[in-house]
Amino acid sequence: MKVIKLHVAILNLKASLIHQFVLILVVYSSLFSKIQAQNDSLSYPYQNIYPLDLKMVIKGKEKSKNNSGLPTEDKLMWFAVPIVGSNPTLGFFYGLGGTGSIYLGNPKTTNISSANVSVQYTTNNQFISSIKGTIMTPNNSWELLVDLKYSIFSENTYGLGSDYNQPIQEDWIIGGAETTGFSGAQPIESNQVRVHLTALKAITSRIFIGGGYHLDYHYKIEDLSLDLNAAQPVITSHYAYSQFYGFDPTTYLSSGLSADFMIDDRDHTVNAYIGNFVHLSYRLNPKFLGSETNYQMVYAEGRFYKTLSKTNPRHLLALWGIGQFTFSGDAPYLHLPSSGNDMRNRIARGYVGGRFRGNSWITAEAEYRYPISKNGLFSGVFFGSATTTSRNAITIGTEYIEKLRLFEAIRPSGGAGLRMLLERAGRLNLGIDFAVGQNGSKGFYFVIGETF
């Protein structure tokens, strides 16, 4: 009876935290909507206020003089860049990344659709490919979210929780990848398949409801730090967690359905100047759909944009928050909520994706965006974030790691970045950010479009 009461109390605590986080998102959305309603509209008429972008620089002013900068229906705007580099984890890597944007309906009544595509191959026989996009049908009648990934990849894991429960010295991150092996990290090699598809139908001009299917499959998992045959066996967090909760540490799958609610009144899905975005998703991962266990998850995300100038919309404050919570069941280790786990793996700059992992995760981020050049070609950003994850108590061999609750350990990061306007009609930027976190973590991040 005491065990049942304790379990109910834990569920009630998690439900309370989820309720509070969701309430904050909704209140912020309502507050920003009321504030923004007092400002002049900055949507369609302000698309062409900047006289210059990189495409015009390349073509020359004479060839660009008839370019109004206003978006047009069914015109594809795209940009591609080569991906070349080297680090000890990946070896030498090369590939191609790009983004494409298009208005599938009248730009006055239809928001922009966009997709990011990347393919990379490394000399260590690793392969990474992904397609991530947002599709807006004419008159915004449907909003479709696409997140597809296939990779043969290695990544470092660091145990559970946002406290430093093991000694780790962190180093440089370039484009989201580590440049050195971190002392205390636990590297894992695996093949990954990710299919997340969500369709939402507009029921008002800004409210959408719908559902989705979500598949995460890891197989051929190799825990490189694990050594059970040593005189003093080396047991990793991944192996201990998998054994404790009954998962096969070499392969596991999560397959589930979601019910989704969304508020979206942004003036642009790639690079918003005004508006709000709130996405609430309840995900059920049952065994009859192929999941290893029955477990449930709640995902909540909010983005809020407040312009600071009536004449220059690129002078603005942007807020971003994500919370992900597991309850009523146990998720496989690599499918637990983790930092940087947004659709495009961009939140919590300053730390490598998946740096902090746990049963629940929250990251909040604020960004100040400002113009640099009067012609609109260059702009800049300052940003900061805070991340927290939770952890259930667990015993690894003879070592006991105590329970960690959300907000007991908060990890800040921050930085600055530069933007160059590639295509003014689609608001496509080429951006580079430098960010630092705690314990020596730091790195450069590249983006086409905007971070959020």
Protein backbone atom coordinates (compact mmCIF):
# COMPACT_ATOMS: atom_id res chain seq x y z
CA MET A 1 0.00 0.00 0.00
CA LYS A 2 2.86 2.41 0.82
CA VAL A 3 4.49 1.65 -2.56
CA ILE A 4 1.21 2.42 -4.36
CA LYS A 5 0.80 5.68 -2.47
CA LEU A 6 4.40 6.67 -3.28
CA HIS A 7 3.87 5.90 -6.98
CA VAL A 8 0.68 7.98 -7.03
CA ALA A 9 2.48 10.84 -5.28
CA ILE A 10 5.28 10.79 -7.88
CA LEU A 11 2.74 10.82 -10.72
CA ASN A 12 0.91 13.73 -9.09
CA LEU A 13 4.21 15.66 -8.75
CA LYS A 14 5.04 15.08 -12.42
CA ALA A 15 1.51 16.08 -13.46
CA SER A 16 1.84 19.26 -11.39
CA LEU A 17 5.16 20.18 -13.05
CA ILE A 18 3.75 19.51 -16.52
CA HIS A 19 0.62 21.54 -15.72
CA GLN A 20 2.71 24.48 -14.48
CA PHE A 21 4.98 24.43 -17.55
CA VAL A 22 2.03 24.24 -19.97
CA LEU A 23 0.24 27.03 -18.08
CA ILE A 24 3.32 29.27 -18.41
CA LEU A 25 3.40 28.66 -22.19
CA VAL A 26 -0.28 29.47 -22.63
CA VAL A 27 -0.09 32.59 -20.41
CA TYR A 28 2.95 33.89 -22.30
CA SER A 29 1.19 33.24 -25.60
CA SER A 30 -1.87 35.19 -24.47
CA LEU A 31 0.24 38.02 -23.01
CA PHE A 32 2.40 38.42 -26.12
CA SER A 33 -0.65 38.29 -28.37
CA LYS A 34 -2.26 41.19 -26.46
CA ILE A 35 0.96 43.22 -26.51
CA GLN A 36 1.55 42.54 -30.20
CA ALA A 37 -2.03 43.51 -31.09
CA GLN A 38 -1.15 47.03 -30.01
CA ASN A 39 1.62 47.22 -32.63
CA ASP A 40 1.28 47.80 -36.34
CA SER A 41 1.17 44.66 -38.46
CA LEU A 42 4.63 43.68 -39.71
CA SER A 43 3.71 40.77 -41.93
CA TYR A 44 3.25 40.96 -45.71
CA PRO A 45 3.81 44.71 -46.32
CA TYR A 46 7.17 44.59 -44.54
CA GLN A 47 8.66 41.71 -46.53
CA ASN A 48 10.58 44.06 -48.83
CA ILE A 49 11.85 46.76 -46.46
CA TYR A 50 15.48 45.64 -46.87
CA PRO A 51 17.13 46.80 -50.10
CA LEU A 52 19.90 44.18 -50.22
CA ASP A 53 20.56 40.47 -49.79
CA LEU A 54 23.45 38.19 -50.75
CA LYS A 55 21.78 37.02 -53.95
CA MET A 56 21.55 40.63 -55.14
CA VAL A 57 25.22 41.20 -54.27
CA ILE A 58 26.21 38.18 -56.37
CA LYS A 59 23.97 39.10 -59.33
CA GLY A 60 24.77 42.79 -59.22
CA LYS A 61 22.45 45.77 -58.74
CA GLU A 62 21.48 46.12 -62.41
CA LYS A 63 20.17 42.56 -62.68
CA SER A 64 18.41 42.91 -59.34
CA LYS A 65 16.78 46.32 -59.79
CA ASN A 66 13.39 44.81 -60.70
CA ASN A 67 13.45 42.48 -57.69
CA SER A 68 10.74 43.81 -55.35
CA GLY A 69 11.66 41.48 -52.51
CA LEU A 70 8.02 40.47 -52.08
CA PRO A 71 7.31 36.74 -51.87
CA THR A 72 5.37 35.02 -54.65
CA GLU A 73 3.29 31.88 -54.68
CA ASP A 74 4.91 28.58 -55.77
CA LYS A 75 8.39 30.07 -56.19
CA LEU A 76 11.07 27.88 -54.60
CA MET A 77 13.74 29.73 -52.66
CA TRP A 78 16.71 27.53 -51.79
CA PHE A 79 20.30 27.61 -50.64
CA ALA A 80 22.87 24.79 -50.41
CA VAL A 81 26.27 24.61 -48.71
CA PRO A 82 29.01 21.96 -48.70
CA ILE A 83 29.78 20.29 -45.37
CA VAL A 84 33.48 19.59 -44.85
CA GLY A 85 35.47 19.14 -41.65
CA SER A 86 37.33 16.85 -39.31
CA ASN A 87 37.27 15.80 -35.68
CA PRO A 88 38.42 12.75 -33.67
CA THR A 89 34.89 11.40 -33.23
CA LEU A 90 33.86 11.50 -36.90
CA GLY A 91 37.22 11.55 -38.68
CA PHE A 92 37.15 13.50 -41.94
CA PHE A 93 33.55 14.22 -42.92
CA TYR A 94 31.96 15.72 -45.99
CA GLY A 95 28.49 16.18 -47.39
CA LEU A 96 25.85 18.64 -48.48
CA GLY A 97 23.30 20.64 -46.53
CA GLY A 98 20.60 22.95 -47.73
CA THR A 99 17.28 24.58 -47.10
CA GLY A 100 14.31 25.26 -49.33
CA SER A 101 11.29 27.50 -48.77
CA ILE A 102 8.12 28.02 -50.75
CA TYR A 103 4.69 29.61 -50.41
CA LEU A 104 2.10 26.97 -51.37
CA GLY A 105 -0.66 29.59 -51.38
CA ASN A 106 -1.14 33.34 -51.53
CA PRO A 107 1.58 34.85 -49.26
CA LYS A 108 -1.01 37.25 -47.83
CA THR A 109 -3.00 34.32 -46.40
CA THR A 110 -0.48 31.45 -46.34
CA ASN A 111 2.62 31.09 -44.22
CA ILE A 112 5.88 29.87 -45.71
CA SER A 113 6.77 26.16 -45.96
CA SER A 114 10.36 25.11 -45.44
CA ALA A 115 12.61 22.06 -45.25
CA ASN A 116 16.21 21.40 -44.24
CA VAL A 117 18.05 18.49 -45.87
CA SER A 118 21.53 17.22 -45.06
CA VAL A 119 23.68 14.22 -45.99
CA GLN A 120 27.10 13.54 -44.44
CA TYR A 121 29.63 10.73 -44.74
CA THR A 122 32.82 10.21 -42.73
CA THR A 123 36.07 8.32 -43.15
CA ASN A 124 35.09 6.32 -40.03
CA ASN A 125 32.26 4.78 -42.09
CA GLN A 126 29.62 6.89 -40.39
CA PHE A 127 26.63 8.22 -42.28
CA ILE A 128 24.09 10.88 -41.29
CA SER A 129 21.05 11.95 -43.29
CA SER A 130 17.99 13.96 -42.30
CA ILE A 131 14.95 15.80 -43.61
CA LYS A 132 13.21 18.26 -41.28
CA GLY A 133 10.43 20.57 -42.35
CA THR A 134 7.24 22.49 -41.78
CA ILE A 135 4.59 22.43 -44.52
CA MET A 136 1.77 25.00 -44.61
CA THR A 137 -1.02 24.27 -47.07
CA PRO A 138 -2.94 27.11 -48.81
CA ASN A 139 -4.64 29.51 -46.39
CA ASN A 140 -2.87 27.71 -43.52
CA SER A 141 -5.60 25.08 -43.47
CA TRP A 142 -3.11 22.38 -42.44
CA GLU A 143 0.28 22.47 -40.71
CA LEU A 144 2.48 19.40 -41.24
CA LEU A 145 5.65 18.66 -39.26
CA VAL A 146 8.24 16.28 -40.74
CA ASP A 147 11.29 14.91 -38.90
CA LEU A 148 13.12 12.05 -40.67
CA LYS A 149 16.60 10.74 -39.88
CA TYR A 150 18.81 7.76 -40.65
CA SER A 151 22.31 7.56 -39.25
CA ILE A 152 25.20 5.24 -38.54
CA PHE A 153 26.77 7.33 -35.85
CA SER A 154 28.71 7.58 -32.59
CA GLU A 155 27.83 9.94 -29.77
CA ASN A 156 28.98 10.59 -26.24
CA THR A 157 26.59 10.10 -23.31
CA TYR A 158 27.11 11.44 -19.82
CA GLY A 159 24.77 9.68 -17.43
CA LEU A 160 21.41 11.00 -16.26
CA GLY A 161 20.59 14.35 -14.70
CA SER A 162 21.86 17.90 -15.15
CA ASP A 163 24.17 17.73 -12.15
CA TYR A 164 27.76 16.65 -12.75
CA ASN A 165 27.57 13.23 -11.12
CA GLN A 166 30.77 12.16 -12.88
CA PRO A 167 34.01 14.09 -13.62
CA ILE A 168 33.83 15.46 -17.17
CA GLN A 169 36.09 18.03 -18.82
CA GLU A 170 34.38 19.38 -21.91
CA ASP A 171 35.86 21.04 -24.98
CA TRP A 172 35.03 22.48 -28.39
CA ILE A 173 31.86 21.78 -30.38
CA ILE A 174 31.78 22.59 -34.09
CA GLY A 175 28.38 22.55 -35.78
CA GLY A 176 26.96 20.43 -32.95
CA ALA A 177 29.69 17.75 -33.09
CA GLU A 178 32.39 17.23 -30.46
CA THR A 179 35.96 17.91 -31.51
CA THR A 180 37.69 15.83 -28.82
CA GLY A 181 36.96 12.83 -26.64
CA PHE A 182 35.71 14.19 -23.33
CA SER A 183 37.20 12.83 -20.12
CA GLY A 184 34.43 10.97 -18.30
CA ALA A 185 32.14 10.68 -21.34
CA GLN A 186 30.69 7.33 -22.40
CA PRO A 187 30.75 6.89 -26.22
CA ILE A 188 28.06 4.83 -27.95
CA GLU A 189 27.93 3.69 -31.58
CA SER A 190 24.54 2.84 -33.09
CA ASN A 191 22.32 2.85 -36.14
CA GLN A 192 19.30 5.12 -35.79
CA VAL A 193 16.00 5.45 -37.62
CA ARG A 194 13.73 8.35 -36.68
CA VAL A 195 10.31 9.01 -38.21
CA HIS A 196 8.19 11.75 -36.62
CA LEU A 197 5.17 12.89 -38.66
CA THR A 198 2.47 15.22 -37.34
CA ALA A 199 -0.57 16.68 -39.13
CA LEU A 200 -2.66 19.47 -37.59
CA LYS A 201 -5.89 20.94 -38.96
CA ALA A 202 -6.75 24.61 -38.44
CA ILE A 203 -9.99 25.09 -36.49
CA THR A 204 -9.52 28.87 -36.20
CA SER A 205 -7.04 31.30 -37.74
CA ARG A 206 -4.46 30.44 -35.07
CA ILE A 207 -5.52 27.18 -33.37
CA PHE A 208 -4.71 23.73 -34.79
CA ILE A 209 -5.51 20.22 -33.56
CA GLY A 210 -4.32 16.89 -34.89
CA GLY A 211 -2.13 13.88 -34.27
CA GLY A 212 0.99 12.10 -35.35
CA TYR A 213 3.11 8.98 -35.47
CA HIS A 214 6.54 8.80 -33.82
CA LEU A 215 9.17 6.09 -34.34
CA ASP A 216 12.61 5.98 -32.74
CA TYR A 217 14.66 2.87 -33.43
CA HIS A 218 18.25 2.26 -32.29
CA TYR A 219 19.99 -0.97 -33.26
CA LYS A 220 23.53 -2.35 -33.45
CA ILE A 221 24.22 -0.36 -30.27
CA GLU A 222 27.81 -0.73 -29.09
CA ASP A 223 28.70 0.70 -25.69
CA LEU A 224 32.40 1.46 -26.23
CA SER A 225 33.27 2.13 -22.57
CA LEU A 226 31.58 -1.03 -21.29
CA ASP A 227 34.01 -3.75 -20.10
CA LEU A 228 32.39 -6.54 -18.10
CA ASN A 229 35.48 -8.78 -18.28
CA ALA A 230 37.93 -6.41 -16.66
CA ALA A 231 39.34 -7.17 -13.21
CA GLN A 232 37.23 -4.25 -12.06
CA PRO A 233 34.28 -4.30 -14.52
CA VAL A 234 33.47 -0.98 -16.16
CA ILE A 235 29.70 -0.43 -16.20
CA THR A 236 28.27 2.52 -18.11
CA SER A 237 25.11 4.46 -17.34
CA HIS A 238 23.49 3.16 -20.56
CA TYR A 239 24.17 -0.47 -19.65
CA ALA A 240 23.13 -0.09 -16.00
CA TYR A 241 19.90 1.70 -16.95
CA SER A 242 19.06 -0.91 -19.60
CA GLN A 243 19.67 -3.79 -17.20
CA PHE A 244 17.75 -2.12 -14.38
CA TYR A 245 14.64 -1.53 -16.52
CA GLY A 246 14.86 -4.71 -18.58
CA PHE A 247 15.93 -3.31 -21.98
CA ASP A 248 18.21 -5.09 -24.42
CA PRO A 249 21.27 -2.78 -24.41
CA THR A 250 22.02 -3.57 -28.09
CA THR A 251 18.68 -2.67 -29.67
CA TYR A 252 15.35 -1.05 -28.76
CA LEU A 253 12.40 0.66 -30.38
CA SER A 254 9.77 3.23 -29.41
CA SER A 255 6.67 3.47 -31.59
CA GLY A 256 3.67 5.58 -30.69
CA LEU A 257 0.85 7.93 -31.54
CA SER A 258 0.32 11.50 -30.42
CA ALA A 259 -2.56 13.89 -29.86
CA ASP A 260 -1.49 17.44 -30.62
CA PHE A 261 -2.72 20.96 -29.90
CA MET A 262 -1.09 24.05 -31.40
CA ILE A 263 -1.39 27.82 -31.32
CA ASP A 264 0.49 29.35 -34.24
CA ASP A 265 0.06 32.97 -35.31
CA ARG A 266 3.66 33.66 -36.35
CA ASP A 267 4.04 35.83 -39.43
CA HIS A 268 6.75 33.44 -40.70
CA THR A 269 7.65 29.82 -39.87
CA VAL A 270 11.39 30.20 -40.67
CA ASN A 271 12.27 33.65 -39.32
CA ALA A 272 9.39 35.20 -37.38
CA TYR A 273 9.20 38.90 -36.53
CA ILE A 274 5.96 38.73 -34.53
CA GLY A 275 3.57 36.13 -33.17
CA ASN A 276 3.52 33.04 -30.99
CA PHE A 277 3.93 29.30 -31.38
CA VAL A 278 2.73 26.83 -28.71
CA HIS A 279 2.79 23.08 -29.38
CA LEU A 280 1.47 20.55 -26.86
CA SER A 281 1.80 16.85 -27.67
CA TYR A 282 0.68 13.85 -25.63
CA ARG A 283 2.47 10.73 -26.88
CA LEU A 284 1.45 7.15 -26.13
CA ASN A 285 4.03 4.43 -26.89
CA PRO A 286 2.28 1.05 -26.49
CA LYS A 287 3.83 -2.40 -26.84
CA PHE A 288 1.23 -3.38 -29.46
CA LEU A 289 2.80 -0.79 -31.83
CA GLY A 290 6.25 -2.29 -31.30
CA SER A 291 7.56 -0.34 -28.28
CA GLU A 292 9.66 -2.22 -25.76
CA THR A 293 7.41 -1.09 -22.89
CA ASN A 294 4.19 0.86 -22.44
CA TYR A 295 5.10 4.43 -21.58
CA GLN A 296 3.70 7.91 -22.05
CA MET A 297 5.35 11.24 -22.74
CA VAL A 298 4.30 14.89 -22.88
CA TYR A 299 6.12 17.37 -25.12
CA ALA A 300 5.50 21.11 -24.72
CA GLU A 301 7.15 23.88 -26.75
CA GLY A 302 6.62 27.63 -26.87
CA ARG A 303 8.14 30.38 -29.02
CA PHE A 304 7.28 34.05 -28.54
CA TYR A 305 8.37 37.05 -30.63
CA LYS A 306 8.09 40.69 -29.56
CA THR A 307 9.24 43.39 -31.98
CA LEU A 308 11.04 46.32 -30.36
CA SER A 309 10.63 48.71 -33.30
CA LYS A 310 7.67 49.71 -35.47
CA THR A 311 9.94 50.51 -38.41
CA ASN A 312 12.55 47.73 -38.21
CA PRO A 313 11.09 44.27 -37.46
CA ARG A 314 14.51 42.63 -37.17
CA HIS A 315 14.98 44.49 -33.89
CA LEU A 316 13.16 42.06 -31.57
CA LEU A 317 13.13 39.83 -28.49
CA ALA A 318 12.52 36.10 -28.99
CA LEU A 319 11.78 33.57 -26.24
CA TRP A 320 11.90 29.78 -26.58
CA GLY A 321 11.05 27.02 -24.14
CA ILE A 322 10.78 23.24 -24.40
CA GLY A 323 9.73 20.69 -21.80
CA GLN A 324 9.55 16.92 -22.25
CA PHE A 325 8.29 14.60 -19.53
CA THR A 326 7.98 10.81 -19.28
CA PHE A 327 5.47 9.23 -16.96
CA SER A 328 3.55 5.99 -16.45
CA GLY A 329 6.30 3.76 -17.81
CA ASP A 330 9.99 3.74 -18.67
CA ALA A 331 11.59 4.84 -21.94
CA PRO A 332 14.79 3.28 -23.37
CA TYR A 333 17.95 5.18 -22.47
CA LEU A 334 18.56 6.96 -25.79
CA HIS A 335 14.83 7.79 -26.08
CA LEU A 336 14.69 9.63 -22.76
CA PRO A 337 14.16 13.41 -22.88
CA SER A 338 17.48 15.17 -23.48
CA SER A 339 18.82 18.65 -24.14
CA GLY A 340 18.89 19.71 -27.77
CA ASN A 341 16.01 17.37 -28.56
CA ASP A 342 13.95 19.85 -30.56
CA MET A 343 13.08 18.94 -34.16
CA ARG A 344 16.16 20.65 -35.58
CA ASN A 345 18.44 19.95 -32.57
CA ARG A 346 19.24 23.63 -31.97
CA ILE A 347 18.16 24.54 -28.44
CA ALA A 348 20.70 24.87 -25.59
CA ARG A 349 23.58 26.16 -27.70
CA GLY A 350 26.81 25.85 -25.73
CA TYR A 351 26.37 22.12 -25.10
CA VAL A 352 26.46 19.20 -27.50
CA GLY A 353 23.03 17.69 -28.23
CA GLY A 354 22.05 15.09 -25.63
CA ARG A 355 24.55 16.44 -23.09
CA PHE A 356 21.91 16.36 -20.33
CA ARG A 357 19.42 13.47 -20.25
CA GLY A 358 16.79 12.33 -17.79
CA ASN A 359 13.20 11.35 -17.10
CA SER A 360 12.18 14.99 -17.58
CA TRP A 361 13.88 17.89 -19.35
CA ILE A 362 13.28 21.65 -19.63
CA THR A 363 15.32 24.28 -21.50
CA ALA A 364 14.43 27.97 -21.66
CA GLU A 365 16.18 30.33 -24.06
CA ALA A 366 16.04 34.07 -24.78
CA GLU A 367 17.50 35.83 -27.82
CA TYR A 368 17.91 39.50 -28.65
CA ARG A 369 18.07 40.14 -32.42
CA TYR A 370 19.21 43.44 -33.88
CA PRO A 371 20.16 44.92 -37.27
CA ILE A 372 23.77 45.88 -37.98
CA SER A 373 23.76 47.35 -41.49
CA LYS A 374 21.10 49.75 -42.75
CA ASN A 375 20.72 47.84 -46.02
CA GLY A 376 19.67 44.70 -44.10
CA LEU A 377 22.55 42.52 -45.26
CA PHE A 378 23.99 41.97 -41.77
CA SER A 379 22.38 41.51 -38.36
CA GLY A 380 23.35 40.02 -35.02
CA VAL A 381 22.06 38.13 -32.00
CA PHE A 382 22.81 37.70 -28.29
CA PHE A 383 21.32 34.70 -26.52
CA GLY A 384 21.27 32.79 -23.25
CA SER A 385 19.68 29.56 -22.05
CA ALA A 386 19.18 27.41 -18.95
CA THR A 387 18.71 23.63 -18.91
CA THR A 388 17.58 21.20 -16.24
CA THR A 389 16.86 17.46 -16.28
CA SER A 390 15.69 15.02 -13.63
CA ARG A 391 16.86 11.54 -12.65
CA ASN A 392 15.38 8.65 -10.70
CA ALA A 393 17.56 7.07 -8.02
CA ILE A 394 19.59 4.14 -9.41
CA THR A 395 22.25 1.75 -8.16
CA ILE A 396 25.19 0.91 -10.46
CA GLY A 397 27.10 -2.00 -8.93
CA THR A 398 27.96 -0.80 -5.46
CA GLU A 399 27.46 2.87 -6.34
CA TYR A 400 24.20 4.60 -5.45
CA ILE A 401 23.20 7.71 -7.44
CA GLU A 402 20.51 9.69 -5.68
CA LYS A 403 17.29 11.06 -7.18
CA LEU A 404 17.50 14.45 -8.87
CA ARG A 405 14.44 16.65 -9.35
CA LEU A 406 13.90 19.28 -12.01
CA PHE A 407 15.47 22.66 -11.18
CA GLU A 408 17.78 21.19 -8.51
CA ALA A 409 20.64 21.51 -11.01
CA ILE A 410 20.42 24.20 -13.71
CA ARG A 411 23.04 24.53 -16.43
CA PRO A 412 23.32 27.96 -18.12
CA SER A 413 24.89 28.82 -21.47
CA GLY A 414 25.05 31.86 -23.70
CA GLY A 415 26.69 33.49 -26.66
CA ALA A 416 26.44 35.75 -29.68
CA GLY A 417 26.08 35.38 -33.42
CA LEU A 418 26.19 37.04 -36.82
CA ARG A 419 23.60 36.82 -39.62
CA MET A 420 23.83 37.48 -43.36
CA LEU A 421 20.60 37.85 -45.36
CA LEU A 422 20.67 35.34 -48.23
CA GLU A 423 17.18 35.74 -49.69
CA ARG A 424 14.99 38.63 -48.47
CA ALA A 425 11.75 37.30 -49.95
CA GLY A 426 12.08 34.12 -47.89
CA ARG A 427 13.87 35.75 -44.92
CA LEU A 428 16.65 33.18 -45.25
CA ASN A 429 19.71 34.00 -43.18
CA LEU A 430 23.11 32.38 -43.07
CA GLY A 431 24.11 32.44 -39.43
CA ILE A 432 27.06 31.52 -37.25
CA ASP A 433 26.89 31.52 -33.43
CA PHE A 434 29.52 31.12 -30.74
CA ALA A 435 28.28 29.80 -27.41
CA VAL A 436 29.79 28.78 -24.08
CA GLY A 437 28.45 26.56 -21.31
CA GLN A 438 29.80 25.41 -17.99
CA ASN A 439 32.79 23.19 -17.33
CA GLY A 440 34.65 24.35 -20.44
CA SER A 441 31.95 23.53 -23.00
CA LYS A 442 31.99 25.88 -26.00
CA GLY A 443 31.47 25.79 -29.72
CA PHE A 444 30.37 27.23 -33.06
CA TYR A 445 26.93 26.60 -34.53
CA PHE A 446 25.76 27.15 -38.12
CA VAL A 447 22.20 27.82 -39.27
CA ILE A 448 20.33 28.61 -42.47
CA GLY A 449 17.10 30.44 -41.73
CA GLU A 450 17.03 31.21 -38.01
CA THR A 451 17.72 29.16 -34.89
CA PHE A 452 14.05 29.34 -33.84
